[in-house]
Amino acid sequence: MHWLKKATNPLDPHLRAGGYEVLPVAEIIGKLRTNACVPRYLIRNNELNDSLAAWTINAFFLLGGLKETDQIGYIVSTFLKPDHFTERLTRTEAQKIIDRVIKNAERVNREPRDFYFDWIGIFGSVLAGSETPADVDIVFSARWTLDGTPLPKSSYYPFRGHHEPVDLAGRALGTGSRRSALSCHSSHEITTLGMPYQVIWTNREGPVNRKTIFPKAKITQNDKSKSELANANAFADDFRARCADLPPLPEPVRPFIPADPKPLSRSQWTKILNSDHPVIGLAHVLCLPPGKLKESASKLLEDHFTKNPKEKPKAEKILYPYLAASATYAKNWIWDSTVGLRKPKRNEL
């Protein structure tokens, strides 16, 4: 996962491709839970209307991020997340995050909580002395307030968060920090992996400057940090080149809706998005801008209707009420002729 080792020179948050900013595309595509990019997933997960969903898919396809399939859907071939656009930290910024983590630990220990923090430490790039760390890696030890015993180790594999006591403790330490700038882990995770760490604060003494501890690894863990960073750098350079090469993109296609048909109710619209109703494919092809993707999607749709002739009239019957519902209810994103996709301001809702 490239975001675990951010590129030395991350993607600019205002990076443009085809004349428009790319970060919103990453935010929309990044919400997919699998590598299957299906129009209804983008619409449902982002409350994005059909024309903007089609524009997003086409733009990402032209950037080489999607591969066509034999259905009205696509496979994500390029891993792109908003984290790729996150700047690396300076030492000063990293220290401010560390100071905030310590204050959070002290605050939690003063409050009537089920647990308290015994000690806090650092590991990773900050401990190694990096001048531009990707994030701040924090290790902590927390105990139950009732009897002072350590919080139970997680039942999941290291570095995979769930809603367990140590996760609650880690989130408490991260209050006020960007999620991508701070990574908190229990002492059990770090010692199991044999990662060096340094204790910098204890509940009894406050800030301390202990020697670095080198625990013996209890499981085999290959050191992939250098290769991950190299991969992240290569990805960022390659993606910048793709953006620079992309010709100007047309604005989203706003389909003609005759005679202002009454939109489907929100419950009807939601039910369609939770199913494989053929009207979604019909609307998607209608909203795609002219080009290779539209030609391919149109052919696949016609092939589908040839095999399932009863579905075409079913889709055509509610096409315009469906599109009217999409324009009415999907308002989390709007089109800006200057930057492209963006979230609406409060007074625009």
Protein backbone atom coordinates (compact mmCIF):
# COMPACT_ATOMS: atom_id res chain seq x y z
CA MET A 1 0.00 0.00 0.00
CA HIS A 2 1.80 3.13 -1.24
CA TRP A 3 0.23 5.43 1.33
CA LEU A 4 2.14 3.64 4.12
CA LYS A 5 5.30 5.19 2.69
CA LYS A 6 4.39 8.53 1.16
CA ALA A 7 6.52 9.65 -1.75
CA THR A 8 9.46 11.94 -1.02
CA ASN A 9 7.82 14.37 -3.44
CA PRO A 10 4.05 13.73 -3.04
CA LEU A 11 1.45 14.73 -5.58
CA ASP A 12 0.42 18.39 -5.38
CA PRO A 13 -3.14 18.74 -3.95
CA HIS A 14 -3.83 21.13 -6.85
CA LEU A 15 -2.37 18.84 -9.53
CA ARG A 16 -4.39 19.11 -12.74
CA ALA A 17 -5.05 16.72 -15.59
CA GLY A 18 -6.98 17.69 -18.69
CA GLY A 19 -7.48 21.15 -17.19
CA TYR A 20 -9.07 20.04 -13.88
CA GLU A 21 -7.88 19.03 -10.41
CA VAL A 22 -7.24 15.32 -9.85
CA LEU A 23 -7.58 15.11 -6.07
CA PRO A 24 -11.43 15.00 -6.16
CA VAL A 25 -11.20 12.03 -8.53
CA ALA A 26 -8.92 10.30 -6.02
CA GLU A 27 -11.36 11.04 -3.20
CA ILE A 28 -14.27 9.54 -5.14
CA ILE A 29 -12.44 6.48 -6.49
CA GLY A 30 -10.75 5.99 -3.12
CA LYS A 31 -14.10 5.21 -1.47
CA LEU A 32 -14.38 1.97 -3.41
CA ARG A 33 -14.07 -0.99 -1.06
CA THR A 34 -12.85 -3.30 -3.81
CA ASN A 35 -11.11 -2.89 -7.15
CA ALA A 36 -14.48 -3.13 -8.90
CA CYS A 37 -15.52 0.29 -10.16
CA VAL A 38 -19.23 0.10 -10.96
CA PRO A 39 -21.16 3.34 -11.68
CA ARG A 40 -23.82 2.64 -9.05
CA TYR A 41 -21.09 2.25 -6.40
CA LEU A 42 -19.69 5.71 -7.16
CA ILE A 43 -23.15 7.27 -7.21
CA ARG A 44 -24.32 5.57 -4.01
CA ASN A 45 -21.10 5.91 -1.98
CA ASN A 46 -20.51 9.57 -2.87
CA GLU A 47 -24.04 10.85 -3.60
CA LEU A 48 -22.71 11.76 -7.02
CA ASN A 49 -25.12 12.32 -9.89
CA ASP A 50 -24.83 10.20 -13.03
CA SER A 51 -23.21 12.84 -15.23
CA LEU A 52 -20.46 13.54 -12.66
CA ALA A 53 -19.96 9.82 -12.02
CA ALA A 54 -19.52 9.22 -15.75
CA TRP A 55 -17.06 12.13 -16.00
CA THR A 56 -15.03 10.75 -13.06
CA ILE A 57 -14.87 7.28 -14.56
CA ASN A 58 -13.86 8.61 -17.97
CA ALA A 59 -11.18 10.90 -16.53
CA PHE A 60 -9.65 8.13 -14.43
CA PHE A 61 -9.84 5.75 -17.41
CA LEU A 62 -7.92 8.21 -19.61
CA LEU A 63 -5.29 8.49 -16.87
CA GLY A 64 -4.76 4.74 -17.10
CA GLY A 65 -6.42 3.99 -13.78
CA LEU A 66 -9.20 1.71 -15.01
CA LYS A 67 -9.49 -1.33 -17.22
CA GLU A 68 -12.66 -2.25 -19.06
CA THR A 69 -14.48 -5.49 -18.30
CA ASP A 70 -17.07 -7.51 -20.18
CA GLN A 71 -19.85 -5.80 -18.24
CA ILE A 72 -20.87 -2.19 -17.54
CA GLY A 73 -18.19 -1.84 -14.94
CA TYR A 74 -14.44 -1.40 -14.63
CA ILE A 75 -11.45 -2.73 -12.70
CA VAL A 76 -9.19 -0.29 -10.85
CA SER A 77 -5.68 -0.90 -12.20
CA THR A 78 -3.92 2.09 -10.64
CA PHE A 79 -3.86 2.50 -6.88
CA LEU A 80 -4.72 6.15 -6.20
CA LYS A 81 -5.75 7.50 -2.82
CA PRO A 82 -6.04 10.99 -1.33
CA ASP A 83 -3.01 10.06 0.81
CA HIS A 84 -0.83 10.36 -2.30
CA PHE A 85 -1.52 14.09 -2.19
CA THR A 86 -0.49 14.51 1.46
CA GLU A 87 2.70 16.48 1.99
CA ARG A 88 5.49 14.94 4.04
CA LEU A 89 6.11 16.50 7.45
CA THR A 90 8.93 18.71 8.64
CA ARG A 91 10.73 17.93 11.89
CA THR A 92 8.96 20.91 13.48
CA GLU A 93 5.54 19.62 12.42
CA ALA A 94 6.41 16.12 13.64
CA GLN A 95 7.42 17.51 17.04
CA LYS A 96 4.15 19.43 17.33
CA ILE A 97 2.27 16.19 16.71
CA ILE A 98 4.34 14.42 19.37
CA ASP A 99 3.64 17.22 21.85
CA ARG A 100 -0.09 16.95 21.08
CA VAL A 101 -0.02 13.19 21.60
CA ILE A 102 1.60 13.64 25.02
CA LYS A 103 -1.00 16.26 26.00
CA ASN A 104 -3.74 13.89 24.90
CA ALA A 105 -2.25 11.13 27.06
CA GLU A 106 -2.07 13.45 30.07
CA ARG A 107 -5.66 14.58 29.49
CA VAL A 108 -6.94 11.02 29.24
CA ASN A 109 -5.12 10.09 32.45
CA ARG A 110 -6.86 12.94 34.29
CA GLU A 111 -10.32 11.92 33.07
CA PRO A 112 -12.50 9.14 34.52
CA ARG A 113 -11.69 6.55 31.86
CA ASP A 114 -11.59 2.77 31.82
CA PHE A 115 -7.90 2.89 30.89
CA TYR A 116 -4.86 5.10 31.32
CA PHE A 117 -1.56 5.46 29.48
CA ASP A 118 1.52 4.00 31.15
CA TRP A 119 4.06 5.29 28.65
CA ILE A 120 4.40 6.75 25.13
CA GLY A 121 7.22 6.18 22.65
CA ILE A 122 8.26 6.84 19.05
CA PHE A 123 9.50 4.53 16.31
CA GLY A 124 9.94 4.55 12.56
CA SER A 125 11.24 7.47 10.49
CA VAL A 126 11.02 10.06 13.29
CA LEU A 127 13.17 7.90 15.56
CA ALA A 128 15.58 7.33 12.67
CA GLY A 129 16.08 11.10 12.40
CA SER A 130 14.32 11.76 9.07
CA GLU A 131 14.08 15.46 8.22
CA THR A 132 10.91 14.82 6.18
CA PRO A 133 9.04 11.94 7.83
CA ALA A 134 5.99 10.54 6.06
CA ASP A 135 4.12 10.49 9.38
CA VAL A 136 4.72 10.20 13.12
CA ASP A 137 4.81 6.62 14.41
CA ILE A 138 3.73 6.37 18.06
CA VAL A 139 3.93 3.31 20.31
CA PHE A 140 2.07 3.24 23.62
CA SER A 141 1.35 1.08 26.63
CA ALA A 142 -2.07 1.43 28.26
CA ARG A 143 -3.57 -0.25 31.33
CA TRP A 144 -7.02 -0.80 32.83
CA THR A 145 -7.82 1.78 35.50
CA LEU A 146 -9.54 -0.82 37.69
CA ASP A 147 -6.62 -3.17 38.33
CA GLY A 148 -3.63 -1.76 36.42
CA THR A 149 -3.33 -4.76 34.09
CA PRO A 150 -2.31 -4.07 30.46
CA LEU A 151 -5.05 -3.70 27.87
CA PRO A 152 -5.45 -7.04 26.09
CA LYS A 153 -3.50 -7.47 22.90
CA SER A 154 -5.56 -7.20 19.75
CA SER A 155 -7.06 -10.30 18.24
CA TYR A 156 -6.21 -9.13 14.74
CA TYR A 157 -2.98 -9.15 12.77
CA PRO A 158 -0.55 -6.28 13.45
CA PHE A 159 -1.40 -2.94 11.83
CA ARG A 160 -5.02 -3.86 11.03
CA GLY A 161 -7.35 -1.77 13.14
CA HIS A 162 -10.64 -2.92 14.66
CA HIS A 163 -12.81 -1.58 17.47
CA GLU A 164 -10.84 -3.09 20.35
CA PRO A 165 -9.55 -1.43 23.54
CA VAL A 166 -6.14 -0.63 22.05
CA ASP A 167 -7.85 0.97 19.04
CA LEU A 168 -9.87 3.24 21.34
CA ALA A 169 -6.65 4.17 23.13
CA GLY A 170 -4.88 4.89 19.84
CA ARG A 171 -7.69 7.13 18.64
CA ALA A 172 -7.61 9.02 21.93
CA LEU A 173 -3.93 9.80 21.35
CA GLY A 174 -4.68 10.96 17.81
CA THR A 175 -7.24 13.60 18.78
CA GLY A 176 -6.51 16.83 16.89
CA SER A 177 -4.10 15.28 14.37
CA ARG A 178 -4.67 14.43 10.72
CA ARG A 179 -5.19 10.71 10.35
CA SER A 180 -2.56 10.48 7.61
CA ALA A 181 0.02 12.33 9.73
CA LEU A 182 -0.09 10.06 12.80
CA SER A 183 0.05 6.30 13.28
CA CYS A 184 -0.49 4.91 16.80
CA HIS A 185 0.26 1.28 17.74
CA SER A 186 0.28 -0.73 20.93
CA SER A 187 3.56 -1.90 22.43
CA HIS A 188 2.58 -5.49 21.71
CA GLU A 189 2.42 -4.82 17.96
CA ILE A 190 5.83 -3.17 17.90
CA THR A 191 7.62 -5.70 20.07
CA THR A 192 6.06 -8.59 18.14
CA LEU A 193 7.51 -7.18 14.94
CA GLY A 194 10.86 -6.42 16.59
CA MET A 195 10.77 -2.71 15.70
CA PRO A 196 13.16 -0.40 17.62
CA TYR A 197 11.44 2.26 19.73
CA GLN A 198 12.24 4.93 22.30
CA VAL A 199 10.10 5.82 25.33
CA ILE A 200 9.66 9.62 25.47
CA TRP A 201 6.98 10.00 28.18
CA THR A 202 5.77 8.06 31.21
CA ASN A 203 2.78 8.52 33.46
CA ARG A 204 4.99 8.81 36.54
CA GLU A 205 7.87 10.93 35.24
CA GLY A 206 6.42 12.91 32.35
CA PRO A 207 8.78 13.61 29.40
CA VAL A 208 11.86 11.35 29.46
CA ASN A 209 14.76 10.56 27.15
CA ARG A 210 15.28 6.82 27.37
CA LYS A 211 17.64 4.74 25.30
CA THR A 212 16.32 3.08 22.15
CA ILE A 213 14.98 -0.41 22.78
CA PHE A 214 15.63 -3.17 20.23
CA PRO A 215 13.10 -5.95 20.89
CA LYS A 216 13.60 -9.39 19.39
CA ALA A 217 11.03 -10.08 16.71
CA LYS A 218 8.48 -12.77 17.55
CA ILE A 219 7.24 -13.11 13.97
CA THR A 220 8.99 -12.87 10.61
CA GLN A 221 8.58 -9.42 9.13
CA ASN A 222 10.50 -8.46 6.01
CA ASP A 223 11.74 -4.89 5.98
CA LYS A 224 10.01 -3.38 2.94
CA SER A 225 10.30 0.29 3.85
CA LYS A 226 12.91 1.13 1.21
CA SER A 227 11.09 -0.68 -1.58
CA GLU A 228 7.76 0.86 -0.51
CA LEU A 229 9.26 4.34 -0.62
CA ALA A 230 10.82 3.63 -4.02
CA ASN A 231 7.47 2.36 -5.30
CA ALA A 232 5.69 5.44 -3.95
CA ASN A 233 8.22 7.75 -5.63
CA ALA A 234 7.93 5.87 -8.92
CA PHE A 235 4.13 5.98 -8.74
CA ALA A 236 4.07 9.74 -8.04
CA ASP A 237 6.48 10.50 -10.91
CA ASP A 238 4.54 8.26 -13.32
CA PHE A 239 1.18 9.74 -12.34
CA ARG A 240 2.45 13.32 -12.73
CA ALA A 241 3.61 12.41 -16.24
CA ARG A 242 0.19 10.93 -17.08
CA CYS A 243 -1.53 14.10 -15.88
CA ALA A 244 0.78 16.28 -17.97
CA ASP A 245 0.10 14.19 -21.09
CA LEU A 246 -3.70 14.17 -20.79
CA PRO A 247 -5.33 16.50 -23.36
CA PRO A 248 -8.13 18.88 -22.25
CA LEU A 249 -11.17 17.03 -20.98
CA PRO A 250 -14.72 18.04 -21.94
CA GLU A 251 -17.11 19.11 -19.20
CA PRO A 252 -19.61 16.56 -17.88
CA VAL A 253 -22.43 15.60 -20.24
CA ARG A 254 -25.71 16.88 -18.88
CA PRO A 255 -28.35 14.64 -20.44
CA PHE A 256 -31.48 16.19 -21.92
CA ILE A 257 -34.48 15.44 -19.72
CA PRO A 258 -37.72 16.24 -21.58
CA ALA A 259 -40.72 17.90 -19.99
CA ASP A 260 -39.28 17.84 -16.47
CA PRO A 261 -40.53 14.37 -15.50
CA LYS A 262 -41.38 13.75 -11.88
CA PRO A 263 -38.27 12.28 -10.25
CA LEU A 264 -38.41 8.92 -8.57
CA SER A 265 -38.79 9.07 -4.81
CA ARG A 266 -35.57 8.89 -2.81
CA SER A 267 -36.43 5.38 -1.61
CA GLN A 268 -37.05 4.24 -5.22
CA TRP A 269 -33.76 5.82 -6.34
CA THR A 270 -31.86 4.20 -3.46
CA LYS A 271 -33.43 0.82 -4.21
CA ILE A 272 -32.22 1.04 -7.81
CA LEU A 273 -28.68 1.90 -6.69
CA ASN A 274 -28.67 -1.14 -4.41
CA SER A 275 -29.62 -3.41 -7.31
CA ASP A 276 -28.44 -4.15 -10.84
CA HIS A 277 -31.31 -2.34 -12.54
CA PRO A 278 -30.58 -1.87 -16.28
CA VAL A 279 -31.50 1.82 -16.14
CA ILE A 280 -28.15 2.54 -14.46
CA GLY A 281 -26.25 1.17 -17.44
CA LEU A 282 -28.47 3.10 -19.85
CA ALA A 283 -27.96 6.35 -17.94
CA HIS A 284 -24.20 5.76 -17.65
CA VAL A 285 -23.74 5.31 -21.41
CA LEU A 286 -25.91 8.38 -22.05
CA CYS A 287 -23.75 10.50 -19.72
CA LEU A 288 -20.32 9.32 -20.92
CA PRO A 289 -18.51 11.88 -23.10
CA PRO A 290 -17.71 10.87 -26.69
CA GLY A 291 -14.67 8.64 -26.94
CA LYS A 292 -13.33 5.11 -26.61
CA LEU A 293 -15.03 4.39 -23.31
CA LYS A 294 -18.46 5.48 -24.53
CA GLU A 295 -18.12 3.34 -27.67
CA SER A 296 -17.08 0.30 -25.65
CA ALA A 297 -19.77 0.78 -22.98
CA SER A 298 -22.45 1.32 -25.65
CA LYS A 299 -21.55 -1.92 -27.40
CA LEU A 300 -21.57 -3.88 -24.14
CA LEU A 301 -24.95 -2.43 -23.21
CA GLU A 302 -26.48 -3.26 -26.59
CA ASP A 303 -25.09 -6.79 -26.36
CA HIS A 304 -26.67 -7.09 -22.91
CA PHE A 305 -30.05 -5.87 -24.18
CA THR A 306 -29.86 -8.27 -27.14
CA LYS A 307 -29.43 -11.17 -24.72
CA ASN A 308 -32.07 -9.76 -22.35
CA PRO A 309 -34.62 -8.01 -24.61
CA LYS A 310 -37.17 -7.44 -21.84
CA GLU A 311 -34.74 -5.23 -19.90
CA LYS A 312 -34.40 -2.44 -22.47
CA PRO A 313 -38.04 -1.20 -22.33
CA LYS A 314 -37.87 -1.60 -18.55
CA ALA A 315 -34.86 0.72 -18.44
CA GLU A 316 -36.17 3.23 -20.99
CA LYS A 317 -39.47 3.56 -19.10
CA ILE A 318 -37.86 5.08 -16.01
CA LEU A 319 -34.70 6.60 -17.55
CA TYR A 320 -35.75 10.23 -17.25
CA PRO A 321 -37.41 9.95 -13.81
CA TYR A 322 -34.22 8.18 -12.67
CA LEU A 323 -31.96 10.93 -14.06
CA ALA A 324 -34.21 13.57 -12.49
CA ALA A 325 -33.91 11.76 -9.14
CA SER A 326 -30.12 11.59 -9.53
CA ALA A 327 -29.94 15.36 -10.10
CA THR A 328 -32.30 15.98 -7.18
CA TYR A 329 -30.78 13.79 -4.47
CA ALA A 330 -27.07 13.40 -5.38
CA LYS A 331 -25.67 16.73 -4.30
CA ASN A 332 -22.48 15.91 -2.40
CA TRP A 333 -20.43 17.03 -5.42
CA ILE A 334 -20.97 19.79 -7.95
CA TRP A 335 -19.21 20.89 -11.12
CA ASP A 336 -17.01 23.98 -11.13
CA SER A 337 -15.85 25.13 -14.57
CA THR A 338 -12.54 26.33 -13.06
CA VAL A 339 -11.38 23.41 -10.88
CA GLY A 340 -13.73 20.64 -11.96
CA LEU A 341 -15.35 18.49 -9.28
CA ARG A 342 -15.69 20.00 -5.82
CA LYS A 343 -17.80 19.78 -2.68
CA PRO A 344 -20.53 22.43 -2.51
CA LYS A 345 -20.34 25.22 0.03
CA ARG A 346 -23.07 25.51 2.64
CA ASN A 347 -24.85 28.33 0.81
CA GLU A 348 -24.90 26.29 -2.42
CA LEU A 349 -26.88 23.38 -0.98
